[in-house]
N, C-alpha and C. Protein backbone atom coordinates (compact mmCIF):
# COMPACT_ATOMS: atom_id res chain seq x y z
N UNK A 1 103.04 47.50 -22.68
CA UNK A 1 103.00 46.71 -21.46
C UNK A 1 102.25 47.49 -20.39
N UNK A 2 101.62 46.76 -19.55
CA UNK A 2 100.87 47.42 -18.48
C UNK A 2 101.79 47.74 -17.31
N UNK A 3 101.26 48.50 -16.41
CA UNK A 3 102.04 48.92 -15.24
C UNK A 3 102.46 47.71 -14.40
N UNK A 4 101.57 46.75 -14.24
CA UNK A 4 101.88 45.54 -13.45
C UNK A 4 103.02 44.75 -14.08
N UNK A 5 102.96 44.55 -15.38
CA UNK A 5 104.00 43.79 -16.07
C UNK A 5 105.34 44.54 -15.99
N UNK A 6 105.30 45.85 -16.19
CA UNK A 6 106.53 46.63 -16.11
C UNK A 6 107.11 46.60 -14.69
N UNK A 7 106.26 46.69 -13.70
CA UNK A 7 106.71 46.65 -12.31
C UNK A 7 107.38 45.31 -12.00
N UNK A 8 106.77 44.21 -12.45
CA UNK A 8 107.37 42.89 -12.23
C UNK A 8 108.70 42.77 -12.96
N UNK A 9 108.76 43.28 -14.17
CA UNK A 9 110.00 43.21 -14.95
C UNK A 9 111.10 44.03 -14.27
N UNK A 10 110.76 45.20 -13.77
CA UNK A 10 111.73 46.06 -13.08
C UNK A 10 112.27 45.36 -11.85
N UNK A 11 111.38 44.77 -11.05
CA UNK A 11 111.81 44.07 -9.85
C UNK A 11 112.72 42.90 -10.19
N UNK A 12 112.38 42.18 -11.23
CA UNK A 12 113.20 41.04 -11.66
C UNK A 12 114.59 41.50 -12.08
N UNK A 13 114.64 42.53 -12.91
CA UNK A 13 115.93 43.04 -13.37
C UNK A 13 116.75 43.62 -12.22
N UNK A 14 116.11 44.29 -11.29
CA UNK A 14 116.84 44.82 -10.13
C UNK A 14 117.41 43.69 -9.28
N UNK A 15 116.65 42.60 -9.10
CA UNK A 15 117.16 41.46 -8.34
C UNK A 15 118.35 40.83 -9.07
N UNK A 16 118.24 40.71 -10.37
CA UNK A 16 119.34 40.13 -11.15
C UNK A 16 120.57 41.04 -11.07
N UNK A 17 120.39 42.36 -11.19
CA UNK A 17 121.52 43.29 -11.10
C UNK A 17 122.17 43.23 -9.72
N UNK A 18 121.38 43.14 -8.67
CA UNK A 18 121.92 43.04 -7.32
C UNK A 18 122.78 41.79 -7.19
N UNK A 19 122.29 40.68 -7.71
CA UNK A 19 123.05 39.43 -7.64
C UNK A 19 124.34 39.54 -8.47
N UNK A 20 124.26 40.12 -9.64
CA UNK A 20 125.46 40.28 -10.46
C UNK A 20 126.48 41.21 -9.78
N UNK A 21 126.02 42.27 -9.14
CA UNK A 21 126.93 43.16 -8.40
C UNK A 21 127.60 42.41 -7.25
N UNK A 22 126.83 41.56 -6.57
CA UNK A 22 127.40 40.77 -5.48
C UNK A 22 128.49 39.84 -6.01
N UNK A 23 128.22 39.22 -7.13
CA UNK A 23 129.21 38.32 -7.72
C UNK A 23 130.46 39.08 -8.17
N UNK A 24 130.25 40.26 -8.73
CA UNK A 24 131.39 41.06 -9.17
C UNK A 24 132.23 41.50 -7.98
N UNK A 25 131.59 41.93 -6.91
CA UNK A 25 132.31 42.31 -5.71
C UNK A 25 133.09 41.13 -5.13
N UNK A 26 132.44 39.97 -5.14
CA UNK A 26 133.11 38.75 -4.65
C UNK A 26 134.36 38.46 -5.48
N UNK A 27 134.21 38.56 -6.80
CA UNK A 27 135.35 38.28 -7.68
C UNK A 27 136.45 39.33 -7.49
N UNK A 28 136.09 40.60 -7.32
CA UNK A 28 137.10 41.64 -7.09
C UNK A 28 137.86 41.39 -5.79
N UNK A 29 137.15 41.00 -4.75
CA UNK A 29 137.80 40.70 -3.48
C UNK A 29 138.76 39.52 -3.63
N UNK A 30 138.31 38.51 -4.32
CA UNK A 30 139.17 37.33 -4.51
C UNK A 30 140.38 37.70 -5.37
N UNK A 31 140.16 38.51 -6.39
CA UNK A 31 141.28 38.95 -7.23
C UNK A 31 142.30 39.73 -6.41
N UNK A 32 141.79 40.53 -5.49
CA UNK A 32 142.72 41.29 -4.64
C UNK A 32 143.58 40.35 -3.81
N UNK A 33 142.96 39.27 -3.31
CA UNK A 33 143.72 38.29 -2.53
C UNK A 33 144.71 37.57 -3.43
N UNK A 34 144.27 37.24 -4.61
CA UNK A 34 145.14 36.49 -5.53
C UNK A 34 146.30 37.33 -6.05
N UNK A 35 146.10 38.62 -6.10
CA UNK A 35 147.17 39.49 -6.60
C UNK A 35 148.28 39.62 -5.55
N UNK A 36 147.95 39.27 -4.36
CA UNK A 36 148.96 39.38 -3.29
C UNK A 36 150.16 38.48 -3.60
N UNK A 37 151.12 38.39 -2.72
CA UNK A 37 152.37 37.68 -2.95
C UNK A 37 152.27 36.17 -2.69
N UNK A 38 151.28 35.54 -3.14
CA UNK A 38 151.15 34.08 -3.00
C UNK A 38 151.88 33.41 -4.16
N UNK A 39 152.25 32.12 -3.99
CA UNK A 39 152.87 31.41 -5.12
C UNK A 39 151.91 31.38 -6.31
N UNK A 40 152.44 31.41 -7.49
CA UNK A 40 151.63 31.57 -8.69
C UNK A 40 150.71 30.39 -8.96
N UNK A 41 151.10 29.14 -8.74
CA UNK A 41 150.23 27.98 -8.99
C UNK A 41 149.03 28.00 -8.07
N UNK A 42 149.28 28.35 -6.82
CA UNK A 42 148.20 28.39 -5.84
C UNK A 42 147.22 29.50 -6.20
N UNK A 43 147.72 30.62 -6.65
CA UNK A 43 146.85 31.73 -7.03
C UNK A 43 146.04 31.37 -8.26
N UNK A 44 146.66 30.71 -9.21
CA UNK A 44 145.94 30.33 -10.44
C UNK A 44 144.81 29.35 -10.13
N UNK A 45 145.08 28.37 -9.27
CA UNK A 45 144.07 27.38 -8.91
C UNK A 45 142.91 28.06 -8.19
N UNK A 46 143.21 28.94 -7.26
CA UNK A 46 142.17 29.64 -6.53
C UNK A 46 141.37 30.54 -7.47
N UNK A 47 142.09 31.20 -8.34
CA UNK A 47 141.43 32.09 -9.31
C UNK A 47 140.49 31.30 -10.21
N UNK A 48 140.93 30.17 -10.71
CA UNK A 48 140.11 29.33 -11.59
C UNK A 48 138.90 28.80 -10.84
N UNK A 49 139.06 28.41 -9.60
CA UNK A 49 137.96 27.91 -8.78
C UNK A 49 136.89 28.99 -8.58
N UNK A 50 137.36 30.19 -8.29
CA UNK A 50 136.42 31.30 -8.10
C UNK A 50 135.69 31.60 -9.39
N UNK A 51 136.37 31.59 -10.50
CA UNK A 51 135.73 31.87 -11.79
C UNK A 51 134.67 30.82 -12.12
N UNK A 52 134.97 29.54 -11.82
CA UNK A 52 133.99 28.47 -12.07
C UNK A 52 132.76 28.64 -11.19
N UNK A 53 133.00 28.98 -9.91
CA UNK A 53 131.87 29.23 -9.00
C UNK A 53 131.02 30.40 -9.50
N UNK A 54 131.70 31.44 -9.91
CA UNK A 54 130.98 32.60 -10.43
C UNK A 54 130.21 32.27 -11.71
N UNK A 55 130.80 31.45 -12.55
CA UNK A 55 130.13 31.05 -13.79
C UNK A 55 128.85 30.27 -13.46
N UNK A 56 128.92 29.37 -12.47
CA UNK A 56 127.72 28.61 -12.08
C UNK A 56 126.65 29.56 -11.51
N UNK A 57 127.09 30.49 -10.68
CA UNK A 57 126.13 31.44 -10.11
C UNK A 57 125.54 32.33 -11.20
N UNK A 58 126.36 32.70 -12.17
CA UNK A 58 125.86 33.51 -13.28
C UNK A 58 124.81 32.72 -14.07
N UNK A 59 125.06 31.42 -14.27
CA UNK A 59 124.07 30.59 -14.96
C UNK A 59 122.76 30.54 -14.18
N UNK A 60 122.90 30.49 -12.83
CA UNK A 60 121.70 30.48 -12.00
C UNK A 60 120.93 31.81 -12.17
N UNK A 61 121.65 32.91 -12.20
CA UNK A 61 121.00 34.21 -12.39
C UNK A 61 120.32 34.28 -13.75
N UNK A 62 120.99 33.78 -14.78
CA UNK A 62 120.37 33.75 -16.10
C UNK A 62 119.10 32.89 -16.09
N UNK A 63 119.19 31.74 -15.42
CA UNK A 63 118.02 30.85 -15.30
C UNK A 63 116.88 31.60 -14.60
N UNK A 64 117.23 32.31 -13.53
CA UNK A 64 116.23 33.09 -12.80
C UNK A 64 115.60 34.15 -13.71
N UNK A 65 116.42 34.82 -14.51
CA UNK A 65 115.90 35.84 -15.42
C UNK A 65 114.97 35.21 -16.46
N UNK A 66 115.35 34.05 -16.98
CA UNK A 66 114.50 33.39 -17.97
C UNK A 66 113.17 32.97 -17.35
N UNK A 67 113.23 32.41 -16.15
CA UNK A 67 112.01 32.03 -15.45
C UNK A 67 111.14 33.25 -15.20
N UNK A 68 111.76 34.30 -14.75
CA UNK A 68 111.03 35.53 -14.49
C UNK A 68 110.40 36.07 -15.77
N UNK A 69 111.17 36.05 -16.86
CA UNK A 69 110.65 36.52 -18.15
C UNK A 69 109.48 35.65 -18.60
N UNK A 70 109.62 34.34 -18.39
CA UNK A 70 108.54 33.42 -18.76
C UNK A 70 107.27 33.72 -17.94
N UNK A 71 107.44 33.93 -16.64
CA UNK A 71 106.30 34.25 -15.79
C UNK A 71 105.68 35.58 -16.21
N UNK A 72 106.54 36.53 -16.55
CA UNK A 72 106.05 37.83 -17.01
C UNK A 72 105.27 37.66 -18.30
N UNK A 73 105.76 36.83 -19.21
CA UNK A 73 105.06 36.59 -20.48
C UNK A 73 103.70 35.97 -20.22
N UNK A 74 103.66 35.00 -19.30
CA UNK A 74 102.38 34.37 -18.97
C UNK A 74 101.41 35.38 -18.39
N UNK A 75 101.90 36.21 -17.48
CA UNK A 75 101.04 37.23 -16.89
C UNK A 75 100.56 38.22 -17.95
N UNK A 76 101.45 38.56 -18.87
CA UNK A 76 101.08 39.49 -19.93
C UNK A 76 100.01 38.88 -20.84
N UNK A 77 100.18 37.59 -21.17
CA UNK A 77 99.17 36.91 -22.00
C UNK A 77 97.82 36.86 -21.28
N UNK A 78 97.87 36.54 -19.99
CA UNK A 78 96.63 36.49 -19.21
C UNK A 78 95.98 37.86 -19.15
N UNK A 79 96.80 38.87 -18.95
CA UNK A 79 96.28 40.23 -18.92
C UNK A 79 95.67 40.61 -20.27
N UNK A 80 96.32 40.23 -21.35
CA UNK A 80 95.80 40.52 -22.68
C UNK A 80 94.46 39.83 -22.90
N UNK A 81 94.37 38.56 -22.49
CA UNK A 81 93.10 37.84 -22.62
C UNK A 81 92.01 38.48 -21.77
N UNK A 82 92.38 38.88 -20.56
CA UNK A 82 91.40 39.51 -19.67
C UNK A 82 90.94 40.84 -20.24
N UNK A 83 91.88 41.62 -20.77
CA UNK A 83 91.51 42.90 -21.38
C UNK A 83 90.61 42.68 -22.59
N UNK A 84 90.92 41.65 -23.39
CA UNK A 84 90.09 41.34 -24.56
C UNK A 84 88.68 40.94 -24.12
N UNK A 85 88.60 40.15 -23.06
CA UNK A 85 87.29 39.76 -22.54
C UNK A 85 86.53 40.97 -22.02
N UNK A 86 87.25 41.89 -21.39
CA UNK A 86 86.63 43.11 -20.89
C UNK A 86 86.12 43.97 -22.04
N UNK A 87 86.92 44.09 -23.09
CA UNK A 87 86.50 44.86 -24.26
C UNK A 87 85.27 44.21 -24.90
N UNK A 88 85.30 42.88 -24.99
CA UNK A 88 84.15 42.17 -25.56
C UNK A 88 82.91 42.38 -24.70
N UNK A 89 83.09 42.38 -23.40
CA UNK A 89 81.95 42.60 -22.49
C UNK A 89 81.42 44.03 -22.65
N UNK A 90 82.35 44.98 -22.81
CA UNK A 90 81.92 46.37 -22.99
C UNK A 90 81.21 46.55 -24.32
N UNK A 91 81.68 45.85 -25.36
CA UNK A 91 81.01 45.93 -26.65
C UNK A 91 79.64 45.28 -26.59
N UNK A 92 79.51 44.25 -25.80
CA UNK A 92 78.22 43.56 -25.67
C UNK A 92 77.26 44.35 -24.80
N UNK A 93 77.78 45.28 -24.02
CA UNK A 93 76.94 46.02 -23.09
C UNK A 93 75.84 46.83 -23.78
N UNK A 94 76.09 47.50 -24.92
CA UNK A 94 74.99 48.22 -25.55
C UNK A 94 73.83 47.30 -25.95
N UNK A 95 74.10 46.02 -26.15
CA UNK A 95 73.04 45.09 -26.48
C UNK A 95 72.19 44.76 -25.26
N UNK A 96 72.64 45.16 -24.08
CA UNK A 96 71.90 44.85 -22.86
C UNK A 96 70.48 45.40 -22.88
N UNK A 97 70.25 46.65 -23.32
CA UNK A 97 68.86 47.11 -23.36
C UNK A 97 67.99 46.21 -24.23
N UNK A 98 68.57 45.68 -25.32
CA UNK A 98 67.81 44.76 -26.15
C UNK A 98 67.50 43.49 -25.38
N UNK A 99 68.47 43.04 -24.58
CA UNK A 99 68.19 41.84 -23.81
C UNK A 99 67.13 42.12 -22.75
N UNK A 100 67.09 43.37 -22.25
CA UNK A 100 66.01 43.72 -21.33
C UNK A 100 64.69 43.69 -22.06
N UNK A 101 64.68 44.17 -23.34
CA UNK A 101 63.46 44.10 -24.13
C UNK A 101 63.04 42.66 -24.34
N UNK A 102 64.02 41.80 -24.59
CA UNK A 102 63.71 40.38 -24.75
C UNK A 102 63.13 39.81 -23.46
N UNK A 103 63.67 40.25 -22.34
CA UNK A 103 63.15 39.79 -21.04
C UNK A 103 61.72 40.29 -20.84
N UNK A 104 61.45 41.53 -21.24
CA UNK A 104 60.10 42.07 -21.13
C UNK A 104 59.14 41.29 -22.02
N UNK A 105 59.58 40.97 -23.24
CA UNK A 105 58.75 40.17 -24.15
C UNK A 105 58.47 38.81 -23.53
N UNK A 106 59.51 38.19 -22.94
CA UNK A 106 59.33 36.87 -22.32
C UNK A 106 58.33 36.95 -21.17
N UNK A 107 58.44 38.00 -20.37
CA UNK A 107 57.51 38.17 -19.24
C UNK A 107 56.10 38.40 -19.75
N UNK A 108 55.97 39.20 -20.79
CA UNK A 108 54.64 39.45 -21.36
C UNK A 108 54.03 38.17 -21.92
N UNK A 109 54.85 37.37 -22.59
CA UNK A 109 54.34 36.08 -23.09
C UNK A 109 53.88 35.20 -21.93
N UNK A 110 54.66 35.19 -20.86
CA UNK A 110 54.27 34.43 -19.68
C UNK A 110 52.96 34.97 -19.10
N UNK A 111 52.81 36.31 -19.09
CA UNK A 111 51.57 36.92 -18.60
C UNK A 111 50.41 36.54 -19.50
N UNK A 112 50.65 36.55 -20.82
CA UNK A 112 49.60 36.20 -21.77
C UNK A 112 49.16 34.76 -21.55
N UNK A 113 50.12 33.86 -21.34
CA UNK A 113 49.78 32.46 -21.08
C UNK A 113 49.00 32.34 -19.78
N UNK A 114 49.44 33.05 -18.74
CA UNK A 114 48.74 33.00 -17.45
C UNK A 114 47.34 33.56 -17.59
N UNK A 115 47.19 34.65 -18.35
CA UNK A 115 45.88 35.25 -18.55
C UNK A 115 44.97 34.29 -19.31
N UNK A 116 45.54 33.62 -20.33
CA UNK A 116 44.76 32.65 -21.11
C UNK A 116 44.32 31.48 -20.21
N UNK A 117 45.24 31.01 -19.38
CA UNK A 117 44.90 29.93 -18.45
C UNK A 117 43.81 30.38 -17.48
N UNK A 118 43.93 31.62 -16.99
CA UNK A 118 42.93 32.16 -16.07
C UNK A 118 41.57 32.26 -16.77
N UNK A 119 41.61 32.74 -18.03
CA UNK A 119 40.36 32.85 -18.77
C UNK A 119 39.77 31.47 -19.03
N UNK A 120 40.65 30.50 -19.34
CA UNK A 120 40.15 29.14 -19.54
C UNK A 120 39.55 28.60 -18.26
N UNK A 121 40.20 28.90 -17.13
CA UNK A 121 39.65 28.47 -15.84
C UNK A 121 38.32 29.15 -15.60
N UNK A 122 38.22 30.43 -15.95
CA UNK A 122 36.95 31.13 -15.81
C UNK A 122 35.90 30.56 -16.75
N UNK A 123 36.32 30.21 -17.97
CA UNK A 123 35.38 29.61 -18.93
C UNK A 123 34.88 28.27 -18.40
N UNK A 124 35.80 27.50 -17.84
CA UNK A 124 35.42 26.21 -17.28
C UNK A 124 34.45 26.41 -16.12
N UNK A 125 34.77 27.38 -15.26
CA UNK A 125 33.87 27.68 -14.14
C UNK A 125 32.53 28.18 -14.65
N UNK A 126 32.56 29.02 -15.69
CA UNK A 126 31.33 29.53 -16.27
C UNK A 126 30.49 28.39 -16.84
N UNK A 127 31.15 27.49 -17.57
CA UNK A 127 30.44 26.34 -18.14
C UNK A 127 29.85 25.47 -17.03
N UNK A 128 30.67 25.28 -15.98
CA UNK A 128 30.19 24.47 -14.85
C UNK A 128 28.99 25.15 -14.19
N UNK A 129 29.06 26.47 -14.05
CA UNK A 129 27.93 27.21 -13.48
C UNK A 129 26.69 27.09 -14.36
N UNK A 130 26.87 27.20 -15.68
CA UNK A 130 25.73 27.07 -16.60
C UNK A 130 25.12 25.68 -16.51
N UNK A 131 26.00 24.67 -16.46
CA UNK A 131 25.50 23.30 -16.36
C UNK A 131 24.77 23.10 -15.04
N UNK A 132 25.36 23.64 -13.95
CA UNK A 132 24.70 23.48 -12.65
C UNK A 132 23.39 24.25 -12.61
N UNK A 133 23.30 25.41 -13.25
CA UNK A 133 22.04 26.16 -13.31
C UNK A 133 21.01 25.39 -14.12
N UNK A 134 21.46 24.82 -15.25
CA UNK A 134 20.54 24.01 -16.07
C UNK A 134 20.06 22.80 -15.28
N UNK A 135 20.98 22.16 -14.58
CA UNK A 135 20.58 21.01 -13.75
C UNK A 135 19.65 21.44 -12.63
N UNK A 136 19.91 22.61 -12.03
CA UNK A 136 19.05 23.12 -10.98
C UNK A 136 17.66 23.39 -11.53
N UNK A 137 17.59 23.99 -12.74
CA UNK A 137 16.28 24.22 -13.38
C UNK A 137 15.57 22.90 -13.66
N UNK A 138 16.35 21.89 -14.13
CA UNK A 138 15.75 20.57 -14.39
C UNK A 138 15.26 19.94 -13.09
N UNK A 139 16.04 20.09 -12.02
CA UNK A 139 15.64 19.55 -10.72
C UNK A 139 14.38 20.27 -10.22
N UNK A 140 14.35 21.62 -10.36
CA UNK A 140 13.15 22.37 -9.96
C UNK A 140 11.94 21.93 -10.78
N UNK A 141 12.16 21.78 -12.09
CA UNK A 141 11.05 21.32 -12.95
C UNK A 141 10.62 19.91 -12.55
N UNK A 142 11.61 19.06 -12.24
CA UNK A 142 11.28 17.69 -11.82
C UNK A 142 10.54 17.73 -10.48
N UNK A 143 10.96 18.60 -9.55
CA UNK A 143 10.28 18.72 -8.26
C UNK A 143 8.84 19.21 -8.47
N UNK A 144 8.68 20.21 -9.36
CA UNK A 144 7.33 20.69 -9.68
C UNK A 144 6.49 19.56 -10.27
N UNK A 145 7.09 18.78 -11.16
CA UNK A 145 6.39 17.65 -11.79
C UNK A 145 6.04 16.60 -10.75
N UNK A 146 6.98 16.37 -9.81
CA UNK A 146 6.73 15.40 -8.75
C UNK A 146 5.58 15.88 -7.87
N UNK A 147 5.56 17.15 -7.51
CA UNK A 147 4.47 17.69 -6.70
C UNK A 147 3.14 17.59 -7.44
N UNK A 148 3.24 17.91 -8.74
CA UNK A 148 2.02 17.82 -9.56
C UNK A 148 1.53 16.37 -9.61
N UNK A 149 2.49 15.43 -9.82
CA UNK A 149 2.11 14.01 -9.88
C UNK A 149 1.61 13.53 -8.51
N UNK A 150 2.18 13.99 -7.45
CA UNK A 150 1.73 13.61 -6.11
C UNK A 150 0.31 14.15 -5.87
N UNK A 151 0.12 15.40 -6.31
CA UNK A 151 -1.23 15.97 -6.17
C UNK A 151 -2.22 15.16 -6.99
N UNK A 152 -1.83 14.80 -8.22
CA UNK A 152 -2.69 13.97 -9.08
C UNK A 152 -2.93 12.61 -8.43
N UNK A 153 -1.87 12.07 -7.83
CA UNK A 153 -1.96 10.77 -7.17
C UNK A 153 -2.95 10.83 -6.00
N UNK A 154 -2.87 11.91 -5.20
CA UNK A 154 -3.79 12.07 -4.08
C UNK A 154 -5.23 12.24 -4.58
N UNK A 155 -5.35 13.03 -5.62
CA UNK A 155 -6.69 13.23 -6.21
C UNK A 155 -7.23 11.93 -6.76
N UNK A 156 -6.34 11.16 -7.44
CA UNK A 156 -6.75 9.87 -8.00
C UNK A 156 -7.09 8.90 -6.87
N UNK A 157 -6.32 8.94 -5.80
CA UNK A 157 -6.60 8.07 -4.66
C UNK A 157 -7.96 8.43 -4.06
N UNK A 158 -8.22 9.72 -3.98
CA UNK A 158 -9.54 10.15 -3.46
C UNK A 158 -10.67 9.72 -4.38
N UNK A 159 -10.43 9.80 -5.69
CA UNK A 159 -11.43 9.38 -6.68
C UNK A 159 -11.65 7.88 -6.58
N UNK A 160 -10.58 7.10 -6.38
CA UNK A 160 -10.69 5.65 -6.27
C UNK A 160 -11.50 5.33 -5.03
N UNK A 161 -11.31 5.98 -3.96
CA UNK A 161 -12.05 5.70 -2.73
C UNK A 161 -13.54 6.06 -2.91
N UNK A 162 -13.86 7.09 -3.64
CA UNK A 162 -15.24 7.45 -3.90
C UNK A 162 -15.91 6.39 -4.75
N UNK A 163 -15.22 5.88 -5.72
CA UNK A 163 -15.79 4.88 -6.62
C UNK A 163 -15.95 3.56 -5.88
N UNK A 164 -15.13 3.30 -4.97
CA UNK A 164 -15.25 2.05 -4.23
C UNK A 164 -16.44 2.14 -3.26
N UNK A 165 -16.73 3.21 -2.74
CA UNK A 165 -17.85 3.39 -1.82
C UNK A 165 -19.16 3.38 -2.61
N UNK A 166 -19.29 3.70 -3.65
CA UNK A 166 -20.49 3.75 -4.44
C UNK A 166 -20.88 2.44 -4.91
């Protein structure tokens, strides 16, 4: 039994003993009165009444002891369950470093996913840059072609005007 359970049991037993001593003292005092020179029928009736009262009080004390014992048993069971849970927690504690390793693995996987997403975003940006560069080259080539065609158009327009004058 633990110290708490023993302390509760001691207090309960001391309370019960105090009550029993009180009842015994009460009965001794009444017996002293009854032993006096009173008529015998009156003394017997008083004596029987006191004994019945004491018997009821004794039953109450027994009831109190049973209740106290029941409460003590419940506390002891709860304490046993709590101690078992504590032992289980202590036994599980060495596994904690492994759970930290699992947490590290989980974080690394998350980092790997984030890195992959970042690389994919970079790949997408790279592809977009390549496409935009290709489009820019096509636009520059088209602008060069347009300038060339405009120059040809001006030259052709000048040639047409010369032929019309002739």
